[in-house]
Amino acid sequence: MAFAGRRDAPEPPDFGILKRLARDQLIYLLEQLPGKKDLFIEPDLMSPLDRIASVSILKQHEVDKLYKVDTRPAPSSSDQFCFLVRPRLRTMRHIADIVNADKMSGRSRKYKIIFSPQKFYACEMVLEEEGVFGDVTCDEWSFYLLPLDEDIISMELPEFFRDYFLEGDHRWINTIARALQLLNSLYGPFSRAYGIGRCAKMSYELWRDLEEESEGDGQGRTPEIGNVFLMDRDMDYVTALCSQVVYEGLVDDTFRIKCAPCPSAGSVDFGPDVTSSDKSIKVLLNAQDKVFSQIRNEHFSSVFGFLSQKSRNLQAQYDRRRGMDIKQMKNFVSQELKGLKQEHRLLSLHIGACESIMKKKTKQDFQEMIKAEHSLLEGFDIRESTSFIEEHIDRQVSPIESLRLMCLLSITENGLVPKDYRSLKTQYLQSYGPEHLLTFHNLKRMGLLTEQAAGETLTAVESRVSKLVTDRAAGKITDAFNSLAKKSNFRAISKKLGLIPRVDGEYDLKMPRDMAYVFSGAYIPLSCKIIEQVLERRGWQGLEEVVRLLNGNEFSVSDSAGEDNSAGDAQRVILAVFLGGCTFSEIAALRFLGKERGFKFIFLTTAITNSARMLEAMIEAKA
């Protein structure tokens, strides 16, 4: 896939079939419990469910009343309870309490638990311990994939990041493998698979095992997606920790784009400060919003100019009414006026959002923070940046922002010198409370906030050992060391891949020349650069040093049969899979790369993330 000249990117596949499959399976599961029933839904499944099956569809299939799982139901006359839940132990205990309460009162009902996306053995164990396993029937709703936009699919698993990268829990790998199998059967077969990271490798291997068991359902069909690239979030924490400056990323950081309580792309609540009224408005942000689709990937500095020009164009279209006769006016009202009013409403909301972002960022010394971040990324004025972080902590601006800056300093410098680590940790605990001690422990385990000395000692031991044993054994020993104390090699990787662009004069953010524009021209996202380089080389050849610095677990596999079947357009459609979350900055960067190189990137992520969500997953302090 050596890059040819620029071509128009192919159209993305139609992901509407994923919603239809999920809806049909849910209806089938509900019909397994014939007659009227009350449906209890896990709160973070409510909004995804709303995108799949409306309340009216549920009512058509004899769902009488809807409840949130965590609310105690009012006395109900229904003889059947159906629970649509995530496989969580606390939810199982809650359901067991409802069943046992009915038993105590002598009330006889049927109970059905539908797990989404899959059932875990531990859940059945809890039901057995609580004495209700024989009273309930269990089923699985294989709802792995929720299309959020024409090129974004989410697995809606925000807990995956903590479960896998902190707790070392592998239970979601089967879910990822099954999601890949589903996509491969509908839009494949994928002719080439690339990846890096332990989770990526395990997911790929399990997916291939599942394919062998099912004997390749999609073989012989013309594929719509030619390539897949899997990447673990821990390959690149730096990009996720940087402040976002593309419009969609800033909206997410400021207002929290969400899908119900579960963070993901979708809707955003714009408050009175945006709507210029006393009401909040829920807005769906996707390609259907004609204003948003034109500015979502733009650097924030370009957005105001675009919106003001759009406003003038809109006014000019309204002004056309003045010279119209009755027939022309009738056509205008019936054909154009509704669209213009809708566009006007969206334009007002996005202008209001921009003003609100500006006010909030001015209060937070945003420019100073960006300057400090750029210094950390480039490796200049580290002492000055450390002083800025200390001041940020002492002023108690935000516990999450302070942690973010400390983690960024640690990763870019391959750990903090012990004196700085102790000093910053002490100041943080004094400012935000000693309950954050566990948070520091978690960050250290993840390799997000570490002391330099331990990492350096480990590297020395590792290098001595590797001289004495074979490469394969050295790899295993390296993995063992990494699990004890992960270290960052950001500075060396940055130099090797040229992540800090060398620019003569000022970087042109309105006409960007590379992916660095998503961070004001200061830094090309590492994750996106890796994907670009691997696609360009059609593998990892020439990137051996980068792979070593990233601690390996890379793979590159081509399926000659799939490649023979691949249409030319399919080879230019790439499924980028982010395990542990993907940011809007990375999405914007790869969309830019796709336009430049004639590719279409489709994004599959366990959940949309940003620095705040990532660090909140690490915080142990309970309110």
Foldseek 3Di string as FASTA:
>chain_A
DAFDFFDAFDFFDDPVVLLVLLLVLVLVVLVVVAAAEEEEEAQLVVLLVCVRANVVRVVVRRHDYYHHLPDDDDDDPDQEYEYEEEQDQVSLVSVLVNVVVCVVVVHHHAYEYEYPQDYDPVSLVSCVVSPCNVRYHYYHRNSQWRDQASFEIARLFLLLQCCCLQVVHLVCLLNLLVVVLVCCQVAAVAFKEWEWDPSQLSSVVVNVVVCVVVVNNNFPPAGQAHYEYEYECLLFPLVQLAQWFQLQQLCCVPFNQDRRVRGFQFWTWAACLQQVDRGIDIDTDYVVLVLCVVRRLAGLVCNVVVLVVVVVVLVVVVVVVPPDDPVVVVCCVVPPPVVSVSNVSSSSNSVSSSVVSVVVCVVVVVVVVLVLLLCLLVVHPLVVSLVVLLVCLQVPVDLLNSLSSQLSNQQSVFAAAVVSLVVSVVSNCVRPHVLQPQLVVSCFQSQSHHHNVVVVVLVVVLVVVPVVDDPVVSLVVLVVSCNVGNTHPSVVLCVVLVFAPDDDPAQDSVDHDALCSRSRNGGRRPVLSVVVVCLNVVHCPPVVVVCVNSSHPIDMDGRVSRVVSYDPSNHQEYEYEYENADESSSVSRVVVVCSRRNHHYRYYYNHHHHSSSSSVSSGPDDD
